[in-house]
Amino acid sequence: MNEPKSKTLYERAKKVMPGGVNSPVRAYKPYPFFTARAQGSRLYDEDGNSYLDYSLAYGPMILGHAHPEVNEAVKEQLRDGTMYGTPTEAEVEMEESIKEC
């Protein structure tokens, strides 16, 4: 597997983060691969290698990375704002859908 860019990024990261990672669970030997993007169940590192993401962020990515419907919903919400500090209709709709489960 070709990983020269991940190794270079790890060397840079060690200068600004303890152990070169932001969490001890990411401390892979000899160095972690650095993810450039993700799509569906796959991660792609800075060197172009593809990995099957078995953990999917330990649950929150259950629909996969960059799911089109999720991306569109996020874009719509970003247009309307994200932090109001007051109740919203979307909040009520979410709770109603949870109750239906």
PDB file of N, CA and C in Angstrom:
ATOM      1  N   MET A   1       0.843  -1.179   0.000  1.00  0.00           N
ATOM      2  CA  MET A   1       0.000   0.000   0.000  1.00  0.00           C
ATOM      3  C   MET A   1       0.889   1.243   0.000  1.00  0.00           C
ATOM      4  N   ASN A   2       0.542   2.196  -0.810  1.00  0.00           N
ATOM      5  CA  ASN A   2       1.311   3.427  -0.953  1.00  0.00           C
ATOM      6  C   ASN A   2       0.764   4.494  -0.003  1.00  0.00           C
ATOM      7  N   GLU A   3       1.582   5.009   0.921  1.00  0.00           N
ATOM      8  CA  GLU A   3       1.112   5.973   1.920  1.00  0.00           C
ATOM      9  C   GLU A   3       2.085   7.115   2.201  1.00  0.00           C
ATOM     10  N   PRO A   4       2.832   7.618   1.231  1.00  0.00           N
ATOM     11  CA  PRO A   4       3.805   8.662   1.560  1.00  0.00           C
ATOM     12  C   PRO A   4       3.171   9.947   2.080  1.00  0.00           C
ATOM     13  N   LYS A   5       2.009  10.334   1.579  1.00  0.00           N
ATOM     14  CA  LYS A   5       1.392  11.577   2.039  1.00  0.00           C
ATOM     15  C   LYS A   5       0.901  11.439   3.478  1.00  0.00           C
ATOM     16  N   SER A   6       0.329  10.277   3.823  1.00  0.00           N
ATOM     17  CA  SER A   6      -0.105  10.054   5.206  1.00  0.00           C
ATOM     18  C   SER A   6       1.082  10.124   6.156  1.00  0.00           C
ATOM     19  N   LYS A   7       2.210   9.553   5.752  1.00  0.00           N
ATOM     20  CA  LYS A   7       3.400   9.594   6.606  1.00  0.00           C
ATOM     21  C   LYS A   7       3.871  11.037   6.795  1.00  0.00           C
ATOM     22  N   THR A   8       3.879  11.824   5.723  1.00  0.00           N
ATOM     23  CA  THR A   8       4.282  13.232   5.807  1.00  0.00           C
ATOM     24  C   THR A   8       3.334  14.015   6.708  1.00  0.00           C
ATOM     25  N   LEU A   9       2.033  13.793   6.558  1.00  0.00           N
ATOM     26  CA  LEU A   9       1.052  14.482   7.405  1.00  0.00           C
ATOM     27  C   LEU A   9       1.220  14.086   8.869  1.00  0.00           C
ATOM     28  N   TYR A  10       1.542  12.822   9.114  1.00  0.00           N
ATOM     29  CA  TYR A  10       1.762  12.366  10.486  1.00  0.00           C
ATOM     30  C   TYR A  10       2.960  13.085  11.103  1.00  0.00           C
ATOM     31  N   GLU A  11       4.025  13.232  10.337  1.00  0.00           N
ATOM     32  CA  GLU A  11       5.206  13.947  10.845  1.00  0.00           C
ATOM     33  C   GLU A  11       4.845  15.390  11.193  1.00  0.00           C
ATOM     34  N   ARG A  12       4.040  16.040  10.369  1.00  0.00           N
ATOM     35  CA  ARG A  12       3.579  17.404  10.671  1.00  0.00           C
ATOM     36  C   ARG A  12       2.696  17.414  11.908  1.00  0.00           C
ATOM     37  N   ALA A  13       1.777  16.448  11.986  1.00  0.00           N
ATOM     38  CA  ALA A  13       0.824  16.388  13.103  1.00  0.00           C
ATOM     39  C   ALA A  13       1.534  16.185  14.434  1.00  0.00           C
ATOM     40  N   LYS A  14       2.618  15.406  14.448  1.00  0.00           N
ATOM     41  CA  LYS A  14       3.347  15.172  15.698  1.00  0.00           C
ATOM     42  C   LYS A  14       3.909  16.463  16.282  1.00  0.00           C
ATOM     43  N   LYS A  15       4.112  17.463  15.451  1.00  0.00           N
ATOM     44  CA  LYS A  15       4.648  18.742  15.922  1.00  0.00           C
ATOM     45  C   LYS A  15       3.592  19.607  16.604  1.00  0.00           C
ATOM     46  N   VAL A  16       2.318  19.305  16.371  1.00  0.00           N
ATOM     47  CA  VAL A  16       1.253  20.155  16.921  1.00  0.00           C
ATOM     48  C   VAL A  16       0.223  19.402  17.762  1.00  0.00           C
ATOM     49  N   MET A  17       0.268  18.063  17.766  1.00  0.00           N
ATOM     50  CA  MET A  17      -0.663  17.257  18.562  1.00  0.00           C
ATOM     51  C   MET A  17       0.112  16.175  19.301  1.00  0.00           C
ATOM     52  N   PRO A  18      -0.192  15.941  20.565  1.00  0.00           N
ATOM     53  CA  PRO A  18       0.485  14.864  21.284  1.00  0.00           C
ATOM     54  C   PRO A  18       0.295  13.529  20.563  1.00  0.00           C
ATOM     55  N   GLY A  19       1.374  12.882  20.228  1.00  0.00           N
ATOM     56  CA  GLY A  19       1.306  11.605  19.529  1.00  0.00           C
ATOM     57  C   GLY A  19       0.910  11.726  18.072  1.00  0.00           C
ATOM     58  N   GLY A  20       0.701  12.946  17.596  1.00  0.00           N
ATOM     59  CA  GLY A  20       0.357  13.159  16.198  1.00  0.00           C
ATOM     60  C   GLY A  20      -1.089  12.897  15.835  1.00  0.00           C
ATOM     61  N   VAL A  21      -1.931  12.651  16.839  1.00  0.00           N
ATOM     62  CA  VAL A  21      -3.351  12.379  16.596  1.00  0.00           C
ATOM     63  C   VAL A  21      -4.198  13.103  17.636  1.00  0.00           C
ATOM     64  N   ASN A  22      -5.484  13.286  17.339  1.00  0.00           N
ATOM     65  CA  ASN A  22      -6.355  13.993  18.274  1.00  0.00           C
ATOM     66  C   ASN A  22      -7.084  13.064  19.235  1.00  0.00           C
ATOM     67  N   SER A  23      -6.764  11.784  19.198  1.00  0.00           N
ATOM     68  CA  SER A  23      -7.377  10.806  20.094  1.00  0.00           C
ATOM     69  C   SER A  23      -6.489   9.566  20.128  1.00  0.00           C
ATOM     70  N   PRO A  24      -6.314   8.949  21.298  1.00  0.00           N
ATOM     71  CA  PRO A  24      -5.449   7.771  21.357  1.00  0.00           C
ATOM     72  C   PRO A  24      -5.939   6.603  20.507  1.00  0.00           C
ATOM     73  N   VAL A  25      -7.235   6.538  20.188  1.00  0.00           N
ATOM     74  CA  VAL A  25      -7.722   5.435  19.357  1.00  0.00           C
ATOM     75  C   VAL A  25      -7.291   5.580  17.900  1.00  0.00           C
ATOM     76  N   ARG A  26      -6.722   6.724  17.551  1.00  0.00           N
ATOM     77  CA  ARG A  26      -6.248   6.937  16.182  1.00  0.00           C
ATOM     78  C   ARG A  26      -4.733   6.737  16.060  1.00  0.00           C
ATOM     79  N   ALA A  27      -4.102   6.275  17.094  1.00  0.00           N
ATOM     80  CA  ALA A  27      -2.642   6.124  17.122  1.00  0.00           C
ATOM     81  C   ALA A  27      -2.218   4.794  16.506  1.00  0.00           C
ATOM     82  N   TYR A  28      -2.409   4.635  15.208  1.00  0.00           N
ATOM     83  CA  TYR A  28      -2.031   3.415  14.505  1.00  0.00           C
ATOM     84  C   TYR A  28      -0.529   3.407  14.258  1.00  0.00           C
ATOM     85  N   LYS A  29       0.055   2.228  14.224  1.00  0.00           N
ATOM     86  CA  LYS A  29       1.489   2.079  13.968  1.00  0.00           C
ATOM     87  C   LYS A  29       1.708   1.632  12.534  1.00  0.00           C
ATOM     88  N   PRO A  30       2.739   2.051  11.845  1.00  0.00           N
ATOM     89  CA  PRO A  30       3.737   3.009  12.304  1.00  0.00           C
ATOM     90  C   PRO A  30       3.212   4.441  12.288  1.00  0.00           C
ATOM     91  N   TYR A  31       2.116   4.689  11.593  1.00  0.00           N
ATOM     92  CA  TYR A  31       1.457   6.000  11.579  1.00  0.00           C
ATOM     93  C   TYR A  31       0.046   5.787  11.025  1.00  0.00           C
ATOM     94  N   PRO A  32      -0.892   6.660  11.369  1.00  0.00           N
ATOM     95  CA  PRO A  32      -2.255   6.490  10.865  1.00  0.00           C
ATOM     96  C   PRO A  32      -2.357   6.929   9.404  1.00  0.00           C
ATOM     97  N   PHE A  33      -3.337   6.381   8.688  1.00  0.00           N
ATOM     98  CA  PHE A  33      -3.608   6.945   7.369  1.00  0.00           C
ATOM     99  C   PHE A  33      -4.460   8.197   7.576  1.00  0.00           C
ATOM    100  N   PHE A  34      -4.274   9.188   6.741  1.00  0.00           N
ATOM    101  CA  PHE A  34      -5.012  10.442   6.837  1.00  0.00           C
ATOM    102  C   PHE A  34      -6.121  10.431   5.790  1.00  0.00           C
ATOM    103  N   THR A  35      -7.350  10.534   6.235  1.00  0.00           N
ATOM    104  CA  THR A  35      -8.500  10.469   5.344  1.00  0.00           C
ATOM    105  C   THR A  35      -8.675  11.776   4.581  1.00  0.00           C
ATOM    106  N   ALA A  36      -8.843  11.669   3.278  1.00  0.00           N
ATOM    107  CA  ALA A  36      -9.082  12.831   2.419  1.00  0.00           C
ATOM    108  C   ALA A  36     -10.570  13.027   2.167  1.00  0.00           C
ATOM    109  N   ARG A  37     -11.309  11.906   2.040  1.00  0.00           N
ATOM    110  CA  ARG A  37     -12.744  11.985   1.781  1.00  0.00           C
ATOM    111  C   ARG A  37     -13.371  10.634   2.095  1.00  0.00           C
ATOM    112  N   ALA A  38     -14.696  10.613   2.096  1.00  0.00           N
ATOM    113  CA  ALA A  38     -15.427   9.371   2.337  1.00  0.00           C
ATOM    114  C   ALA A  38     -16.704   9.390   1.508  1.00  0.00           C
ATOM    115  N   GLN A  39     -17.129   8.217   1.079  1.00  0.00           N
ATOM    116  CA  GLN A  39     -18.359   8.077   0.303  1.00  0.00           C
ATOM    117  C   GLN A  39     -18.950   6.712   0.608  1.00  0.00           C
ATOM    118  N   GLY A  40     -20.218   6.696   1.023  1.00  0.00           N
ATOM    119  CA  GLY A  40     -20.855   5.428   1.347  1.00  0.00           C
ATOM    120  C   GLY A  40     -20.123   4.729   2.477  1.00  0.00           C
ATOM    121  N   SER A  41     -19.708   3.497   2.246  1.00  0.00           N
ATOM    122  CA  SER A  41     -19.004   2.725   3.274  1.00  0.00           C
ATOM    123  C   SER A  41     -17.485   2.787   3.120  1.00  0.00           C
ATOM    124  N   ARG A  42     -16.983   3.652   2.254  1.00  0.00           N
ATOM    125  CA  ARG A  42     -15.550   3.700   1.961  1.00  0.00           C
ATOM    126  C   ARG A  42     -14.899   4.979   2.468  1.00  0.00           C
ATOM    127  N   LEU A  43     -13.656   4.827   2.951  1.00  0.00           N
ATOM    128  CA  LEU A  43     -12.782   5.950   3.279  1.00  0.00           C
ATOM    129  C   LEU A  43     -11.670   5.969   2.235  1.00  0.00           C
ATOM    130  N   TYR A  44     -11.230   7.156   1.855  1.00  0.00           N
ATOM    131  CA  TYR A  44     -10.143   7.308   0.890  1.00  0.00           C
ATOM    132  C   TYR A  44      -9.068   8.164   1.535  1.00  0.00           C
ATOM    133  N   ASP A  45      -7.845   7.636   1.578  1.00  0.00           N
ATOM    134  CA  ASP A  45      -6.784   8.387   2.244  1.00  0.00           C
ATOM    135  C   ASP A  45      -6.120   9.380   1.301  1.00  0.00           C
ATOM    136  N   GLU A  46      -5.221  10.166   1.856  1.00  0.00           N
ATOM    137  CA  GLU A  46      -4.533  11.211   1.098  1.00  0.00           C
ATOM    138  C   GLU A  46      -3.672  10.647  -0.028  1.00  0.00           C
ATOM    139  N   ASP A  47      -3.401   9.351   0.017  1.00  0.00           N
ATOM    140  CA  ASP A  47      -2.577   8.715  -1.002  1.00  0.00           C
ATOM    141  C   ASP A  47      -3.405   7.985  -2.052  1.00  0.00           C
ATOM    142  N   GLY A  48      -4.738   8.086  -1.946  1.00  0.00           N
ATOM    143  CA  GLY A  48      -5.608   7.460  -2.935  1.00  0.00           C
ATOM    144  C   GLY A  48      -6.016   6.036  -2.620  1.00  0.00           C
ATOM    145  N   ASN A  49      -5.613   5.496  -1.466  1.00  0.00           N
ATOM    146  CA  ASN A  49      -6.014   4.148  -1.075  1.00  0.00           C
ATOM    147  C   ASN A  49      -7.447   4.167  -0.557  1.00  0.00           C
ATOM    148  N   SER A  50      -8.168   3.072  -0.761  1.00  0.00           N
ATOM    149  CA  SER A  50      -9.559   2.945  -0.336  1.00  0.00           C
ATOM    150  C   SER A  50      -9.660   1.924   0.790  1.00  0.00           C
ATOM    151  N   TYR A  51     -10.480   2.237   1.799  1.00  0.00           N
ATOM    152  CA  TYR A  51     -10.675   1.345   2.948  1.00  0.00           C
ATOM    153  C   TYR A  51     -12.169   1.169   3.187  1.00  0.00           C
ATOM    154  N   LEU A  52     -12.575  -0.028   3.570  1.00  0.00           N
ATOM    155  CA  LEU A  52     -13.948  -0.262   3.994  1.00  0.00           C
ATOM    156  C   LEU A  52     -14.072   0.221   5.429  1.00  0.00           C
ATOM    157  N   ASP A  53     -15.000   1.124   5.687  1.00  0.00           N
ATOM    158  CA  ASP A  53     -15.176   1.699   7.020  1.00  0.00           C
ATOM    159  C   ASP A  53     -16.163   0.843   7.809  1.00  0.00           C
ATOM    160  N   TYR A  54     -15.637  -0.095   8.576  1.00  0.00           N
ATOM    161  CA  TYR A  54     -16.485  -0.986   9.363  1.00  0.00           C
ATOM    162  C   TYR A  54     -17.181  -0.266  10.513  1.00  0.00           C
ATOM    163  N   SER A  55     -16.576   0.775  11.057  1.00  0.00           N
ATOM    164  CA  SER A  55     -17.151   1.411  12.249  1.00  0.00           C
ATOM    165  C   SER A  55     -18.130   2.531  11.930  1.00  0.00           C
ATOM    166  N   LEU A  56     -18.011   3.165  10.757  1.00  0.00           N
ATOM    167  CA  LEU A  56     -18.892   4.273  10.369  1.00  0.00           C
ATOM    168  C   LEU A  56     -19.056   5.267  11.512  1.00  0.00           C
ATOM    169  N   ALA A  57     -17.922   5.726  12.048  1.00  0.00           N
ATOM    170  CA  ALA A  57     -17.873   6.696  13.155  1.00  0.00           C
ATOM    171  C   ALA A  57     -18.566   6.154  14.406  1.00  0.00           C
ATOM    172  N   TYR A  58     -18.535   4.847  14.571  1.00  0.00           N
ATOM    173  CA  TYR A  58     -19.115   4.177  15.736  1.00  0.00           C
ATOM    174  C   TYR A  58     -20.604   4.456  15.882  1.00  0.00           C
ATOM    175  N   GLY A  59     -21.313   4.598  14.771  1.00  0.00           N
ATOM    176  CA  GLY A  59     -22.764   4.711  14.816  1.00  0.00           C
ATOM    177  C   GLY A  59     -23.390   5.876  14.090  1.00  0.00           C
ATOM    178  N   PRO A  60     -22.879   7.105  14.226  1.00  0.00           N
ATOM    179  CA  PRO A  60     -23.582   8.234  13.622  1.00  0.00           C
ATOM    180  C   PRO A  60     -23.639   8.209  12.096  1.00  0.00           C
ATOM    181  N   MET A  61     -22.784   7.454  11.453  1.00  0.00           N
ATOM    182  CA  MET A  61     -22.768   7.415   9.989  1.00  0.00           C
ATOM    183  C   MET A  61     -23.468   6.165   9.470  1.00  0.00           C
ATOM    184  N   ILE A  62     -24.519   5.742  10.149  1.00  0.00           N
ATOM    185  CA  ILE A  62     -25.183   4.487   9.810  1.00  0.00           C
ATOM    186  C   ILE A  62     -25.678   4.452   8.364  1.00  0.00           C
ATOM    187  N   LEU A  63     -25.976   5.595   7.770  1.00  0.00           N
ATOM    188  CA  LEU A  63     -26.397   5.643   6.369  1.00  0.00           C
ATOM    189  C   LEU A  63     -25.212   5.734   5.416  1.00  0.00           C
ATOM    190  N   GLY A  64     -24.010   5.760   5.966  1.00  0.00           N
ATOM    191  CA  GLY A  64     -22.809   5.880   5.150  1.00  0.00           C
ATOM    192  C   GLY A  64     -22.354   7.325   5.065  1.00  0.00           C
ATOM    193  N   HIS A  65     -21.165   7.508   4.570  1.00  0.00           N
ATOM    194  CA  HIS A  65     -20.592   8.845   4.426  1.00  0.00           C
ATOM    195  C   HIS A  65     -21.188   9.543   3.207  1.00  0.00           C
ATOM    196  N   ALA A  66     -21.442  10.829   3.350  1.00  0.00           N
ATOM    197  CA  ALA A  66     -21.898  11.685   2.251  1.00  0.00           C
ATOM    198  C   ALA A  66     -23.169  11.153   1.586  1.00  0.00           C
ATOM    199  N   HIS A  67     -24.100  10.638   2.395  1.00  0.00           N
ATOM    200  CA  HIS A  67     -25.366  10.137   1.851  1.00  0.00           C
ATOM    201  C   HIS A  67     -26.110  11.307   1.200  1.00  0.00           C
ATOM    202  N   PRO A  68     -26.565  11.161  -0.045  1.00  0.00           N
ATOM    203  CA  PRO A  68     -27.177  12.280  -0.765  1.00  0.00           C
ATOM    204  C   PRO A  68     -28.361  12.931  -0.040  1.00  0.00           C
ATOM    205  N   GLU A  69     -29.243  12.140   0.547  1.00  0.00           N
ATOM    206  CA  GLU A  69     -30.405  12.720   1.235  1.00  0.00           C
ATOM    207  C   GLU A  69     -29.988  13.478   2.492  1.00  0.00           C
ATOM    208  N   VAL A  70     -29.026  12.939   3.212  1.00  0.00           N
ATOM    209  CA  VAL A  70     -28.526  13.620   4.408  1.00  0.00           C
ATOM    210  C   VAL A  70     -27.829  14.916   4.003  1.00  0.00           C
ATOM    211  N   ASN A  71     -26.998  14.858   2.964  1.00  0.00           N
ATOM    212  CA  ASN A  71     -26.312  16.064   2.495  1.00  0.00           C
ATOM    213  C   ASN A  71     -27.300  17.153   2.111  1.00  0.00           C
ATOM    214  N   GLU A  72     -28.373  16.787   1.407  1.00  0.00           N
ATOM    215  CA  GLU A  72     -29.359  17.780   0.984  1.00  0.00           C
ATOM    216  C   GLU A  72     -30.074  18.385   2.188  1.00  0.00           C
ATOM    217  N   ALA A  73     -30.426  17.552   3.170  1.00  0.00           N
ATOM    218  CA  ALA A  73     -31.089  18.068   4.375  1.00  0.00           C
ATOM    219  C   ALA A  73     -30.177  19.030   5.132  1.00  0.00           C
ATOM    220  N   VAL A  74     -28.897  18.709   5.203  1.00  0.00           N
ATOM    221  CA  VAL A  74     -27.942  19.598   5.880  1.00  0.00           C
ATOM    222  C   VAL A  74     -27.830  20.921   5.130  1.00  0.00           C
ATOM    223  N   LYS A  75     -27.743  20.862   3.801  1.00  0.00           N
ATOM    224  CA  LYS A  75     -27.664  22.097   3.001  1.00  0.00           C
ATOM    225  C   LYS A  75     -28.882  22.986   3.237  1.00  0.00           C
ATOM    226  N   GLU A  76     -30.067  22.369   3.244  1.00  0.00           N
ATOM    227  CA  GLU A  76     -31.293  23.142   3.473  1.00  0.00           C
ATOM    228  C   GLU A  76     -31.257  23.818   4.837  1.00  0.00           C
ATOM    229  N   GLN A  77     -30.840  23.088   5.854  1.00  0.00           N
ATOM    230  CA  GLN A  77     -30.808  23.664   7.194  1.00  0.00           C
ATOM    231  C   GLN A  77     -29.758  24.762   7.307  1.00  0.00           C
ATOM    232  N   LEU A  78     -28.622  24.589   6.659  1.00  0.00           N
ATOM    233  CA  LEU A  78     -27.586  25.624   6.690  1.00  0.00           C
ATOM    234  C   LEU A  78     -28.091  26.933   6.088  1.00  0.00           C
ATOM    235  N   ARG A  79     -28.936  26.831   5.058  1.00  0.00           N
ATOM    236  CA  ARG A  79     -29.504  28.046   4.453  1.00  0.00           C
ATOM    237  C   ARG A  79     -30.408  28.788   5.433  1.00  0.00           C
ATOM    238  N   ASP A  80     -31.072  28.036   6.323  1.00  0.00           N
ATOM    239  CA  ASP A  80     -32.019  28.635   7.272  1.00  0.00           C
ATOM    240  C   ASP A  80     -31.378  29.021   8.594  1.00  0.00           C
ATOM    241  N   GLY A  81     -30.136  28.643   8.801  1.00  0.00           N
ATOM    242  CA  GLY A  81     -29.470  28.879  10.079  1.00  0.00           C
ATOM    243  C   GLY A  81     -29.445  27.597  10.891  1.00  0.00           C
ATOM    244  N   THR A  82     -28.594  27.563  11.915  1.00  0.00           N
ATOM    245  CA  THR A  82     -28.425  26.309  12.650  1.00  0.00           C
ATOM    246  C   THR A  82     -28.603  26.416  14.155  1.00  0.00           C
ATOM    247  N   MET A  83     -28.359  27.559  14.742  1.00  0.00           N
ATOM    248  CA  MET A  83     -28.424  27.686  16.204  1.00  0.00           C
ATOM    249  C   MET A  83     -29.321  28.858  16.572  1.00  0.00           C
ATOM    250  N   TYR A  84     -30.567  28.559  16.901  1.00  0.00           N
ATOM    251  CA  TYR A  84     -31.515  29.624  17.194  1.00  0.00           C
ATOM    252  C   TYR A  84     -31.626  29.937  18.681  1.00  0.00           C
ATOM    253  N   GLY A  85     -31.518  28.924  19.514  1.00  0.00           N
ATOM    254  CA  GLY A  85     -31.730  29.133  20.948  1.00  0.00           C
ATOM    255  C   GLY A  85     -33.206  29.175  21.310  1.00  0.00           C
ATOM    256  N   THR A  86     -34.070  28.856  20.339  1.00  0.00           N
ATOM    257  CA  THR A  86     -35.522  28.808  20.566  1.00  0.00           C
ATOM    258  C   THR A  86     -36.062  27.527  19.954  1.00  0.00           C
ATOM    259  N   PRO A  87     -37.258  27.081  20.361  1.00  0.00           N
ATOM    260  CA  PRO A  87     -37.838  25.870  19.776  1.00  0.00           C
ATOM    261  C   PRO A  87     -38.096  26.039  18.274  1.00  0.00           C
ATOM    262  N   THR A  88     -38.078  24.916  17.564  1.00  0.00           N
ATOM    263  CA  THR A  88     -38.338  24.931  16.122  1.00  0.00           C
ATOM    264  C   THR A  88     -39.320  23.829  15.745  1.00  0.00           C
ATOM    265  N   GLU A  89     -39.971  23.999  14.602  1.00  0.00           N
ATOM    266  CA  GLU A  89     -40.874  22.972  14.094  1.00  0.00           C
ATOM    267  C   GLU A  89     -40.107  21.682  13.808  1.00  0.00           C
ATOM    268  N   ALA A  90     -38.897  21.801  13.277  1.00  0.00           N
ATOM    269  CA  ALA A  90     -38.090  20.612  12.975  1.00  0.00           C
ATOM    270  C   ALA A  90     -37.827  19.787  14.230  1.00  0.00           C
ATOM    271  N   GLU A  91     -37.633  20.469  15.343  1.00  0.00           N
ATOM    272  CA  GLU A  91     -37.413  19.798  16.624  1.00  0.00           C
ATOM    273  C   GLU A  91     -38.642  18.971  17.015  1.00  0.00           C
ATOM    274  N   VAL A  92     -39.821  19.559  16.859  1.00  0.00           N
ATOM    275  CA  VAL A  92     -41.069  18.857  17.184  1.00  0.00           C
ATOM    276  C   VAL A  92     -41.259  17.670  16.245  1.00  0.00           C
ATOM    277  N   GLU A  93     -41.012  17.866  14.953  1.00  0.00           N
ATOM    278  CA  GLU A  93     -41.153  16.779  13.980  1.00  0.00           C
ATOM    279  C   GLU A  93     -40.218  15.620  14.303  1.00  0.00           C
ATOM    280  N   MET A  94     -38.990  15.925  14.700  1.00  0.00           N
ATOM    281  CA  MET A  94     -38.042  14.878  15.055  1.00  0.00           C
ATOM    282  C   MET A  94     -38.545  14.080  16.257  1.00  0.00           C
ATOM    283  N   GLU A  95     -39.007  14.779  17.278  1.00  0.00           N
ATOM    284  CA  GLU A  95     -39.502  14.097  18.475  1.00  0.00           C
ATOM    285  C   GLU A  95     -40.728  13.251  18.162  1.00  0.00           C
ATOM    286  N   GLU A  96     -41.604  13.745  17.298  1.00  0.00           N
ATOM    287  CA  GLU A  96     -42.784  12.964  16.907  1.00  0.00           C
ATOM    288  C   GLU A  96     -42.380  11.693  16.175  1.00  0.00           C
ATOM    289  N   SER A  97     -41.368  11.786  15.309  1.00  0.00           N
ATOM    290  CA  SER A  97     -40.929  10.593  14.582  1.00  0.00           C
ATOM    291  C   SER A  97     -40.264   9.589  15.515  1.00  0.00           C
ATOM    292  N   ILE A  98     -39.556  10.071  16.530  1.00  0.00           N
ATOM    293  CA  ILE A  98     -38.961   9.167  17.520  1.00  0.00           C
ATOM    294  C   ILE A  98     -40.056   8.468  18.305  1.00  0.00           C
ATOM    295  N   LYS A  99     -41.073   9.199  18.681  1.00  0.00           N
ATOM    296  CA  LYS A  99     -42.184   8.624  19.448  1.00  0.00           C
ATOM    297  C   LYS A  99     -42.880   7.525  18.654  1.00  0.00           C
ATOM    298  N   GLU A 100     -42.971   7.693  17.331  1.00  0.00           N
ATOM    299  CA  GLU A 100     -43.615   6.687  16.480  1.00  0.00           C
ATOM    300  C   GLU A 100     -42.843   5.376  16.442  1.00  0.00           C
ATOM    301  N   CYS A 101     -41.564   5.428  16.713  1.00  0.00           N
ATOM    302  CA  CYS A 101     -40.746   4.202  16.690  1.00  0.00           C
ATOM    303  C   CYS A 101     -41.150   3.353  17.821  1.00  0.00           C
TER     304      CYS A 101
END
